[in-house]
Amino acid sequence: MEIQILQLLEGARQARGLTVVIDVFRAFSTACYAVSKGVGPIYPVGNIDEAYALKEKIPESLLVGERNERPPEGFDFGNSPALLLSSDLTGRAMIHTTSSGTQGIVNAVLADEILTGSFVNAGAIVRYIQMSKPDTVSLVCMGYACQYPTDEDTLCAEFIRNRLLGIESDFEAMRKTIRHGSGARFFEAASQQWAPSADFDLCLAPDRFNFILKAVRRKEGLLLERHDI
């Protein structure tokens, strides 16, 4: 099994084989928490206009996501697992568009199959890959707004790769690196309305969920399907 770690949009476009699109802060952590709350299906889309158009077709759906970390006009929620967990969302479809994670999904056009990637379901991702036995695994780190690599996405890719190779990772050291690096923004007073500090701990909870989210194409568009592993 060949395992490659790729970065940003160009990495998504280059990804081959079984592809894991990683966005720890916060798209694919948020998606897992939403599914755990009974949300579904989730429709990942690339742009805001597409999200609004899909909302017209699915009126009871939730608009969830961000641009520049803030929810766009008319959205029900930003890209925050903490805020989602505070509401009863059972049975609601979710239209999800973000600056990083969902961009990776829609751009990974050469991948054989696409999973979302985060720490919160890393163990399930590893088990699925081990069961699937692909020739190639692409771990794509989407970074901050697809502009530059981030600690959390790159370390999550290394965390998944190490497990596939039977190598133990020091998660607490990773957590400390993230806390004092790209995760420091969650502890700034000015960001609490759209990036609360609770999101940091929620996104850095390894193996909290025993399911994967797999991107599949249906007549209504791309959606994320839950598969318990």
Protein backbone atom coordinates (compact mmCIF):
# COMPACT_ATOMS: atom_id res chain seq x y z
CA MET A 1 0.00 0.00 0.00
CA GLU A 2 1.40 3.37 -1.06
CA ILE A 3 0.49 6.21 1.32
CA GLN A 4 0.99 9.79 0.19
CA ILE A 5 0.36 13.00 2.11
CA LEU A 6 -0.73 15.90 -0.08
CA GLN A 7 -1.52 19.53 0.64
CA LEU A 8 -4.24 22.03 -0.27
CA LEU A 9 -6.34 22.23 -3.45
CA GLU A 10 -3.54 21.05 -5.72
CA GLY A 11 -3.16 18.02 -3.49
CA ALA A 12 -6.87 17.29 -3.77
CA ARG A 13 -6.65 17.52 -7.56
CA GLN A 14 -3.66 15.15 -7.59
CA ALA A 15 -5.16 12.61 -5.18
CA ARG A 16 -5.50 9.05 -6.43
CA GLY A 17 -6.87 5.83 -5.01
CA LEU A 18 -8.69 5.88 -1.68
CA THR A 19 -8.57 9.55 -0.73
CA VAL A 20 -9.08 11.02 2.73
CA VAL A 21 -9.78 14.76 2.62
CA ILE A 22 -8.73 16.13 6.01
CA ASP A 23 -10.16 19.24 7.65
CA VAL A 24 -9.81 19.02 11.43
CA PHE A 25 -10.67 22.70 12.14
CA ARG A 26 -13.48 22.29 11.50
CA ALA A 27 -15.47 20.99 8.55
CA PHE A 28 -15.13 17.27 8.99
CA SER A 29 -15.17 17.32 12.76
CA THR A 30 -18.38 19.34 12.53
CA ALA A 31 -19.81 16.85 10.02
CA CYS A 32 -19.17 13.93 12.38
CA TYR A 33 -20.79 15.68 15.32
CA ALA A 34 -23.76 16.61 13.14
CA VAL A 35 -24.25 12.99 12.06
CA SER A 36 -23.97 11.86 15.68
CA LYS A 37 -26.86 14.23 16.46
CA GLY A 38 -29.08 12.62 13.83
CA VAL A 39 -28.42 15.03 10.98
CA GLY A 40 -28.53 13.58 7.51
CA PRO A 41 -27.88 13.46 4.73
CA ILE A 42 -25.06 15.98 4.47
CA TYR A 43 -24.52 17.63 1.09
CA PRO A 44 -20.97 19.03 0.71
CA VAL A 45 -20.90 21.85 -1.85
CA GLY A 46 -18.18 24.11 -3.14
CA ASN A 47 -19.76 27.54 -3.28
CA ILE A 48 -22.36 29.58 -1.48
CA ASP A 49 -24.63 30.10 -4.49
CA GLU A 50 -24.83 26.34 -4.93
CA ALA A 51 -25.73 26.01 -1.26
CA TYR A 52 -28.56 28.55 -1.59
CA ALA A 53 -29.86 26.80 -4.73
CA LEU A 54 -29.87 23.41 -3.03
CA LYS A 55 -31.68 24.93 -0.06
CA GLU A 56 -34.48 25.92 -2.45
CA LYS A 57 -34.84 22.26 -3.47
CA ILE A 58 -34.67 20.96 0.12
CA PRO A 59 -36.52 23.65 2.13
CA GLU A 60 -36.23 21.95 5.54
CA SER A 61 -32.46 21.54 5.24
CA LEU A 62 -29.90 23.39 7.33
CA LEU A 63 -27.34 25.72 5.80
CA VAL A 64 -24.06 25.18 7.66
CA GLY A 65 -20.61 26.53 6.93
CA GLU A 66 -18.32 29.52 6.76
CA ARG A 67 -16.30 31.96 4.77
CA ASN A 68 -13.44 33.59 6.68
CA GLU A 69 -14.62 31.45 9.63
CA ARG A 70 -17.94 33.32 9.84
CA PRO A 71 -21.36 32.01 8.72
CA PRO A 72 -22.53 33.52 5.41
CA GLU A 73 -25.74 35.51 5.30
CA GLY A 74 -28.81 33.33 5.75
CA PHE A 75 -26.95 30.33 7.16
CA ASP A 76 -28.40 28.50 10.14
CA PHE A 77 -25.03 27.66 11.69
CA GLY A 78 -21.39 28.44 11.24
CA ASN A 79 -18.80 25.69 11.03
CA SER A 80 -18.81 24.99 14.78
CA PRO A 81 -19.41 21.60 16.40
CA ALA A 82 -20.05 23.26 19.77
CA LEU A 83 -22.89 25.35 18.36
CA LEU A 84 -24.42 22.39 16.52
CA LEU A 85 -24.41 20.28 19.67
CA SER A 86 -26.54 22.87 21.44
CA SER A 87 -29.51 22.29 19.11
CA ASP A 88 -31.90 19.43 18.29
CA LEU A 89 -31.22 18.71 14.62
CA THR A 90 -32.56 15.16 14.35
CA GLY A 91 -33.73 14.26 10.87
CA ARG A 92 -32.59 17.50 9.23
CA ALA A 93 -30.59 17.45 6.02
CA MET A 94 -27.48 19.64 6.06
CA ILE A 95 -25.99 21.63 3.20
CA HIS A 96 -22.34 22.22 4.08
CA THR A 97 -19.90 24.60 2.42
CA THR A 98 -16.57 25.68 3.87
CA SER A 99 -13.38 27.42 2.82
CA SER A 100 -11.30 24.24 3.02
CA GLY A 101 -12.84 20.81 3.55
CA THR A 102 -15.73 20.82 1.12
CA GLN A 103 -13.44 22.37 -1.51
CA GLY A 104 -11.25 19.30 -1.24
CA ILE A 105 -14.16 16.94 -1.81
CA VAL A 106 -15.39 18.66 -4.95
CA ASN A 107 -11.86 18.93 -6.36
CA ALA A 108 -10.74 15.33 -5.75
CA VAL A 109 -11.99 14.31 -9.18
CA LEU A 110 -9.37 11.61 -9.81
CA ALA A 111 -9.93 9.74 -6.54
CA ASP A 112 -11.40 6.24 -6.60
CA GLU A 113 -13.34 6.99 -3.43
CA ILE A 114 -13.40 9.86 -0.95
CA LEU A 115 -13.67 9.86 2.84
CA THR A 116 -13.73 12.86 5.13
CA GLY A 117 -10.84 13.02 7.56
CA SER A 118 -10.55 14.22 11.15
CA PHE A 119 -9.15 13.07 14.48
CA VAL A 120 -12.62 12.33 15.84
CA ASN A 121 -13.09 9.31 13.57
CA ALA A 122 -9.47 8.51 12.72
CA GLY A 123 -9.68 4.95 14.02
CA ALA A 124 -12.70 4.16 11.85
CA ILE A 125 -10.89 5.62 8.84
CA VAL A 126 -7.89 3.39 9.50
CA ARG A 127 -10.07 0.29 9.88
CA TYR A 128 -11.91 1.06 6.65
CA ILE A 129 -8.64 1.47 4.75
CA GLN A 130 -7.29 -1.77 6.20
CA MET A 131 -10.45 -3.62 5.15
CA SER A 132 -10.45 -2.05 1.68
CA LYS A 133 -6.77 -2.82 0.98
CA PRO A 134 -6.31 -0.12 -1.69
CA ASP A 135 -3.10 0.09 -3.69
CA THR A 136 -2.89 3.84 -3.06
CA VAL A 137 -4.04 6.00 -0.15
CA SER A 138 -4.00 9.78 -0.55
CA LEU A 139 -4.23 11.83 2.65
CA VAL A 140 -5.07 15.39 1.61
CA CYS A 141 -4.53 18.19 4.15
CA MET A 142 -6.76 21.13 3.22
CA GLY A 143 -5.07 23.69 5.46
CA TYR A 144 -6.40 27.14 6.29
CA ALA A 145 -8.88 28.26 3.60
CA CYS A 146 -6.85 26.17 1.12
CA GLN A 147 -4.16 28.87 1.37
CA TYR A 148 -1.44 27.34 3.52
CA PRO A 149 -0.83 24.11 5.47
CA THR A 150 -1.88 23.87 9.11
CA ASP A 151 -0.57 21.91 12.06
CA GLU A 152 -3.82 20.07 12.76
CA ASP A 153 -4.42 18.75 9.25
CA THR A 154 -0.83 17.68 8.62
CA LEU A 155 -0.57 16.01 12.04
CA CYS A 156 -3.90 14.25 11.49
CA ALA A 157 -2.56 12.87 8.21
CA GLU A 158 0.57 11.67 10.02
CA PHE A 159 -1.59 10.19 12.80
CA ILE A 160 -3.60 8.15 10.26
CA ARG A 161 -0.51 7.15 8.27
CA ASN A 162 1.32 6.02 11.40
CA ARG A 163 -1.59 3.81 12.45
CA LEU A 164 -1.68 2.23 9.01
CA LEU A 165 2.04 1.51 9.36
CA GLY A 166 1.75 0.23 12.93
CA ILE A 167 3.64 3.20 14.37
CA GLU A 168 2.49 4.78 17.64
CA SER A 169 1.90 8.54 17.63
CA ASP A 170 2.34 10.85 20.61
CA PHE A 171 -1.06 12.53 20.44
CA GLU A 172 -0.46 14.75 23.46
CA ALA A 173 2.63 16.18 21.79
CA MET A 174 0.57 16.76 18.64
CA ARG A 175 -2.13 18.45 20.69
CA LYS A 176 0.41 20.77 22.31
CA THR A 177 1.86 21.71 18.92
CA ILE A 178 -1.62 22.52 17.61
CA ARG A 179 -2.60 24.46 20.75
CA HIS A 180 0.37 26.79 20.42
CA GLY A 181 0.26 26.91 16.62
CA SER A 182 -2.71 27.06 14.29
CA GLY A 183 -5.17 26.21 17.09
CA ALA A 184 -4.30 29.27 19.17
CA ARG A 185 -7.03 31.31 17.46
CA PHE A 186 -9.73 29.39 19.34
CA PHE A 187 -8.56 31.02 22.55
CA GLU A 188 -8.68 34.60 21.32
CA ALA A 189 -11.50 36.67 22.84
CA ALA A 190 -12.42 38.24 19.51
CA SER A 191 -13.17 34.88 17.86
CA GLN A 192 -15.46 33.31 20.45
CA GLN A 193 -18.70 34.13 18.63
CA TRP A 194 -17.79 32.07 15.55
CA ALA A 195 -14.84 29.94 16.75
CA PRO A 196 -15.51 29.12 20.42
CA SER A 197 -12.75 27.57 22.50
CA ALA A 198 -14.94 24.48 23.03
CA ASP A 199 -14.38 23.63 19.36
CA PHE A 200 -10.69 23.03 20.03
CA ASP A 201 -11.36 20.14 22.42
CA LEU A 202 -14.24 18.75 20.35
CA CYS A 203 -12.07 18.61 17.24
CA LEU A 204 -9.12 17.06 19.09
CA ALA A 205 -10.96 14.05 20.54
CA PRO A 206 -9.42 11.04 18.77
CA ASP A 207 -11.67 8.08 17.93
CA ARG A 208 -14.81 9.60 19.41
CA PHE A 209 -16.90 8.13 16.59
CA ASN A 210 -16.86 4.65 15.09
CA PHE A 211 -18.07 5.62 11.64
CA ILE A 212 -16.69 7.02 8.42
CA LEU A 213 -18.30 9.60 6.16
CA LYS A 214 -17.97 8.62 2.52
CA ALA A 215 -18.70 11.01 -0.34
CA VAL A 216 -21.02 9.45 -2.91
CA ARG A 217 -22.79 10.91 -5.91
CA ARG A 218 -26.56 10.69 -6.08
CA LYS A 219 -29.08 12.32 -8.43
CA GLU A 220 -29.40 15.30 -6.10
CA GLY A 221 -25.61 15.73 -5.95
CA LEU A 222 -22.74 14.73 -3.69
CA LEU A 223 -23.64 13.58 -0.22
CA LEU A 224 -21.83 12.11 2.76
CA GLU A 225 -22.95 8.63 3.78
CA ARG A 226 -22.35 7.23 7.24
CA HIS A 227 -20.84 3.76 7.44
CA ASP A 228 -20.30 2.26 10.89
CA ILE A 229 -16.96 0.47 11.07
